[in-house]
Amino acid sequence: MCRSIKTLRPPVIPEKATEEEIRAAALQYVRKVSGFRAPAAHNQEVFEAAVDAIAEATRDLLDGLQVRGAPATATVTA
């Protein structure tokens, strides 16, 4: 596991992960798996597509997790 990727769910972090944190984790994952810190021009498109897909999967995962003992999110109704 890449040590640069941090846990992005409460209670490890107090608030919902930001888009920047999710994107950074996705980028670190793709770098680790591909073995490239920065892709060559001919790999740039597939590299960025992978980062986008991992970021989306991460958002879905974090939105769907139910953490025992975590405070319930308040729902505001109008």
Protein backbone atom coordinates (compact mmCIF):
# COMPACT_ATOMS: atom_id res chain seq x y z
CA MET A 1 0.00 0.00 0.00
CA CYS A 2 1.21 3.46 -0.78
CA ARG A 3 1.98 5.21 2.49
CA SER A 4 1.00 8.57 0.99
CA ILE A 5 -2.65 7.53 0.80
CA LYS A 6 -4.43 8.40 4.04
CA THR A 7 -7.71 7.12 5.41
CA LEU A 8 -10.50 9.43 4.25
CA ARG A 9 -13.43 8.41 6.43
CA PRO A 10 -14.67 9.59 9.81
CA PRO A 11 -13.74 9.22 12.59
CA VAL A 12 -10.18 9.11 11.23
CA ILE A 13 -10.80 12.55 9.74
CA PRO A 14 -13.41 14.70 11.47
CA GLU A 15 -15.28 15.89 8.38
CA LYS A 16 -16.23 14.50 4.99
CA ALA A 17 -13.23 14.13 2.69
CA THR A 18 -12.74 16.99 0.28
CA GLU A 19 -12.59 16.59 -3.47
CA GLU A 20 -8.91 17.54 -3.29
CA GLU A 21 -8.18 14.76 -0.76
CA ILE A 22 -10.06 12.20 -2.84
CA ARG A 23 -8.25 13.24 -6.03
CA ALA A 24 -4.84 13.15 -4.29
CA ALA A 25 -5.49 9.62 -3.02
CA ALA A 26 -6.59 8.50 -6.50
CA LEU A 27 -3.48 10.02 -8.05
CA GLN A 28 -1.21 8.28 -5.52
CA TYR A 29 -2.95 4.96 -6.21
CA VAL A 30 -2.55 5.28 -9.99
CA ARG A 31 1.09 6.31 -9.60
CA LYS A 32 1.77 3.29 -7.41
CA VAL A 33 0.00 0.79 -9.64
CA SER A 34 1.41 2.15 -12.91
CA GLY A 35 4.93 2.70 -11.59
CA PHE A 36 5.00 6.18 -13.13
CA ARG A 37 5.13 9.40 -11.14
CA ALA A 38 4.25 11.32 -14.29
CA PRO A 39 3.17 9.54 -17.46
CA ALA A 40 4.72 10.10 -20.86
CA ALA A 41 2.64 12.12 -23.29
CA HIS A 42 1.37 8.98 -25.04
CA ASN A 43 0.06 7.64 -21.69
CA GLN A 44 -1.36 10.89 -20.31
CA GLU A 45 -4.95 10.28 -21.42
CA VAL A 46 -5.23 6.78 -19.95
CA PHE A 47 -3.43 7.90 -16.77
CA GLU A 48 -5.88 10.78 -16.20
CA ALA A 49 -8.86 8.55 -17.03
CA ALA A 50 -7.68 6.10 -14.37
CA VAL A 51 -7.33 8.88 -11.79
CA ASP A 52 -10.87 10.05 -12.61
CA ALA A 53 -12.28 6.52 -12.31
CA ILE A 54 -10.52 5.85 -9.00
CA ALA A 55 -11.67 9.21 -7.60
CA GLU A 56 -15.27 8.42 -8.58
CA ALA A 57 -15.06 4.95 -7.03
CA THR A 58 -13.60 6.49 -3.87
CA ARG A 59 -16.46 9.01 -3.62
CA ASP A 60 -18.98 6.18 -4.06
CA LEU A 61 -17.24 4.10 -1.41
CA LEU A 62 -17.05 6.91 1.13
CA ASP A 63 -20.67 7.91 0.51
CA GLY A 64 -21.84 4.33 1.03
CA LEU A 65 -19.84 3.38 4.13
CA GLN A 66 -21.66 3.01 7.42
CA VAL A 67 -19.24 3.38 10.32
CA ARG A 68 -20.29 1.95 13.67
CA GLY A 69 -20.23 4.47 16.46
CA ALA A 70 -19.93 7.43 14.10
CA PRO A 71 -22.38 10.24 14.76
CA ALA A 72 -25.34 10.27 12.40
CA THR A 73 -25.31 12.95 9.73
CA ALA A 74 -27.98 15.54 10.39
CA THR A 75 -30.55 15.82 7.63
CA VAL A 76 -32.08 19.23 7.06
CA THR A 77 -35.58 19.36 5.61
CA ALA A 78 -37.27 22.47 4.32
